[in-house]
């Protein structure tokens, strides 16, 4: 399996993975990533934002998942970990861990903290985030776009030498 930066032809596959995953948890509702306007063209969305990136996991030419980092609050130097989704058949193989390491390594070159939003329904995801040092918050950070989420996390990052965005 290969983790690589997203390219334009990956848009439809990753959109379907995200929406199918959310639908399987009855989260195909307003206030979730299911209805994010950028979902139709994640490649251009992430490539048009400084200090942002989206990676996909490719297995034998097929996209099986992905993860993104984008700015959340530039005044406080906070990014957001976004859209970590995998096809059900590749879950439990350690791919989420590899994606987390890729995204957090990138984030550590630009940000001092990483925020994320999820839901208690995604128990495996919550466990993964806590394993990677994300601390639960009582409330979402200001300007949070996903009103249907009920779990919020923040992780302090150790800044590394700046990398190319």
Protein backbone atom coordinates (compact mmCIF):
# COMPACT_ATOMS: atom_id res chain seq x y z
CA UNK A 1 0.00 0.00 0.00
CA UNK A 2 1.19 3.45 -0.92
CA UNK A 3 0.40 6.72 0.85
CA UNK A 4 0.73 9.60 -1.59
CA UNK A 5 -0.50 13.13 -2.16
CA UNK A 6 -3.90 13.28 -3.77
CA UNK A 7 -4.16 13.90 -7.52
CA UNK A 8 -7.25 15.12 -9.44
CA UNK A 9 -8.34 11.66 -10.60
CA UNK A 10 -8.71 10.58 -6.92
CA UNK A 11 -11.58 13.02 -6.26
CA UNK A 12 -14.54 10.76 -6.97
CA UNK A 13 -13.11 7.69 -5.21
CA UNK A 14 -12.30 9.53 -1.99
CA UNK A 15 -15.64 11.36 -2.03
CA UNK A 16 -17.42 8.00 -2.29
CA UNK A 17 -15.34 6.51 0.55
CA UNK A 18 -16.14 9.48 2.81
CA UNK A 19 -19.86 9.55 2.02
CA UNK A 20 -20.30 5.76 2.18
CA UNK A 21 -18.53 5.65 5.54
CA UNK A 22 -20.66 8.43 7.00
CA UNK A 23 -23.82 6.82 5.62
CA UNK A 24 -22.92 3.50 7.27
CA UNK A 25 -23.06 5.29 10.65
CA UNK A 26 -26.27 7.20 9.79
CA UNK A 27 -24.16 10.38 9.57
CA UNK A 28 -25.33 11.40 6.10
CA UNK A 29 -26.89 14.44 7.73
CA UNK A 30 -26.33 18.20 7.66
CA UNK A 31 -23.53 19.29 9.97
CA UNK A 32 -21.17 16.48 8.90
CA UNK A 33 -18.50 16.19 6.22
CA UNK A 34 -21.10 14.38 4.09
CA UNK A 35 -22.34 17.75 2.84
CA UNK A 36 -19.03 19.66 2.72
CA UNK A 37 -19.12 21.76 -0.47
CA UNK A 38 -15.46 20.96 -1.27
CA UNK A 39 -16.11 17.20 -1.29
CA UNK A 40 -16.57 17.16 -5.08
CA UNK A 41 -13.03 18.46 -5.65
CA UNK A 42 -10.84 17.82 -2.63
CA UNK A 43 -7.72 17.96 -4.78
CA UNK A 44 -8.19 21.62 -5.70
CA UNK A 45 -9.54 22.50 -2.27
CA UNK A 46 -6.40 21.31 -0.48
CA UNK A 47 -4.01 22.48 -3.19
CA UNK A 48 -5.38 26.03 -3.13
CA UNK A 49 -4.83 26.49 0.61
CA UNK A 50 -1.35 27.25 1.97
CA UNK A 51 -0.06 24.76 4.55
CA UNK A 52 -2.70 22.18 3.65
CA UNK A 53 -2.48 18.71 2.12
CA UNK A 54 -4.58 15.62 1.47
CA UNK A 55 -3.11 12.14 1.15
CA UNK A 56 -4.70 8.99 -0.21
CA UNK A 57 -3.84 5.35 0.32
CA UNK A 58 -3.55 3.41 -2.90
CA UNK A 59 -3.65 -0.38 -3.00
CA UNK A 60 -3.10 -2.02 -6.38
CA UNK A 61 -4.30 1.07 -8.22
CA UNK A 62 -7.40 1.50 -6.05
CA UNK A 63 -7.95 4.29 -3.52
CA UNK A 64 -8.83 2.76 -0.14
CA UNK A 65 -8.71 5.81 2.14
CA UNK A 66 -7.28 9.22 2.93
CA UNK A 67 -6.55 11.99 5.42
CA UNK A 68 -6.11 15.77 5.30
CA UNK A 69 -4.55 18.68 7.17
CA UNK A 70 -5.78 22.25 6.69
CA UNK A 71 -5.53 25.51 8.64
CA UNK A 72 -8.21 26.02 11.28
CA UNK A 73 -7.16 29.13 13.23
CA UNK A 74 -4.06 30.83 11.83
CA UNK A 75 -3.97 33.44 14.61
CA UNK A 76 -3.46 30.65 17.16
CA UNK A 77 -1.46 28.50 14.69
CA UNK A 78 -3.97 25.62 14.83
CA UNK A 79 -4.58 23.19 12.00
CA UNK A 80 -7.35 20.65 11.65
CA UNK A 81 -6.99 16.95 10.95
CA UNK A 82 -9.71 16.25 8.40
CA UNK A 83 -11.46 13.46 6.58
CA UNK A 84 -9.70 10.34 7.84
CA UNK A 85 -11.69 7.57 6.19
CA UNK A 86 -10.91 4.03 5.03
CA UNK A 87 -12.84 1.38 3.17
CA UNK A 88 -14.21 -1.21 5.63
CA UNK A 89 -12.13 -4.04 4.15
CA UNK A 90 -8.82 -2.30 4.98
CA UNK A 91 -9.72 -1.16 8.48
CA UNK A 92 -7.72 -2.80 11.26
CA UNK A 93 -4.58 -3.19 9.14
CA UNK A 94 -2.65 -0.27 10.66
CA UNK A 95 -3.35 2.09 7.76
CA UNK A 96 -4.99 4.72 9.97
CA UNK A 97 -1.81 4.83 12.06
CA UNK A 98 0.33 5.39 8.98
CA UNK A 99 -2.03 8.12 7.78
CA UNK A 100 -1.99 9.80 11.20
CA UNK A 101 1.82 9.78 11.25
CA UNK A 102 1.98 11.25 7.73
CA UNK A 103 -0.51 14.02 8.54
CA UNK A 104 0.94 14.92 11.95
CA UNK A 105 4.49 14.99 10.58
CA UNK A 106 3.35 17.48 7.92
CA UNK A 107 1.38 19.53 10.46
CA UNK A 108 4.36 19.79 12.82
CA UNK A 109 6.23 21.85 10.22
CA UNK A 110 3.59 24.59 10.20
CA UNK A 111 1.41 24.48 13.32
CA UNK A 112 1.66 24.34 17.12
CA UNK A 113 -1.67 22.52 17.64
CA UNK A 114 -3.95 20.19 15.73
CA UNK A 115 -7.72 20.15 16.23
CA UNK A 116 -10.26 17.57 15.11
CA UNK A 117 -13.96 16.91 15.33
CA UNK A 118 -15.66 13.54 15.39
CA UNK A 119 -18.57 11.75 16.98
CA UNK A 120 -18.88 9.27 19.80
CA UNK A 121 -20.38 6.84 17.25
CA UNK A 122 -16.89 6.42 15.80
CA UNK A 123 -15.41 4.68 18.83
CA UNK A 124 -12.39 3.24 16.98
CA UNK A 125 -11.52 6.70 15.67
CA UNK A 126 -11.81 8.27 19.13
CA UNK A 127 -9.49 5.58 20.51
CA UNK A 128 -6.98 6.21 17.71
CA UNK A 129 -6.96 9.97 18.32
CA UNK A 130 -6.41 9.54 22.04
CA UNK A 131 -3.59 7.07 21.35
CA UNK A 132 -1.89 9.80 19.29
CA UNK A 133 -2.07 12.31 22.13
CA UNK A 134 -5.22 14.20 21.23
CA UNK A 135 -6.91 15.50 24.37
CA UNK A 136 -10.71 15.73 24.59
CA UNK A 137 -12.27 19.20 24.74
CA UNK A 138 -15.53 20.12 26.45
CA UNK A 139 -16.74 22.14 23.45
CA UNK A 140 -15.79 22.73 19.82
CA UNK A 141 -13.37 25.50 18.99
CA UNK A 142 -14.94 28.70 17.70
CA UNK A 143 -15.99 28.66 14.02
CA UNK A 144 -16.35 24.89 13.91
CA UNK A 145 -18.31 24.02 10.74
CA UNK A 146 -19.58 20.56 11.68
CA UNK A 147 -22.46 21.12 14.08
CA UNK A 148 -23.45 17.43 14.22
CA UNK A 149 -20.17 16.38 15.83
CA UNK A 150 -20.12 15.70 19.57
CA UNK A 151 -16.42 14.96 20.23
CA UNK A 152 -13.63 17.51 19.87
CA UNK A 153 -9.91 17.01 20.38
CA UNK A 154 -6.75 19.10 20.45
CA UNK A 155 -3.13 17.96 20.28
CA UNK A 156 -0.09 20.10 20.96
CA UNK A 157 2.54 19.71 18.25
CA UNK A 158 6.29 20.07 18.54
CA UNK A 159 7.20 22.49 15.77
CA UNK A 160 9.87 21.27 13.38
CA UNK A 161 11.93 23.15 10.86
CA UNK A 162 9.55 24.60 8.23
CA UNK A 163 8.98 22.41 5.19
CA UNK A 164 7.71 23.27 1.75
CA UNK A 165 3.94 23.58 1.70
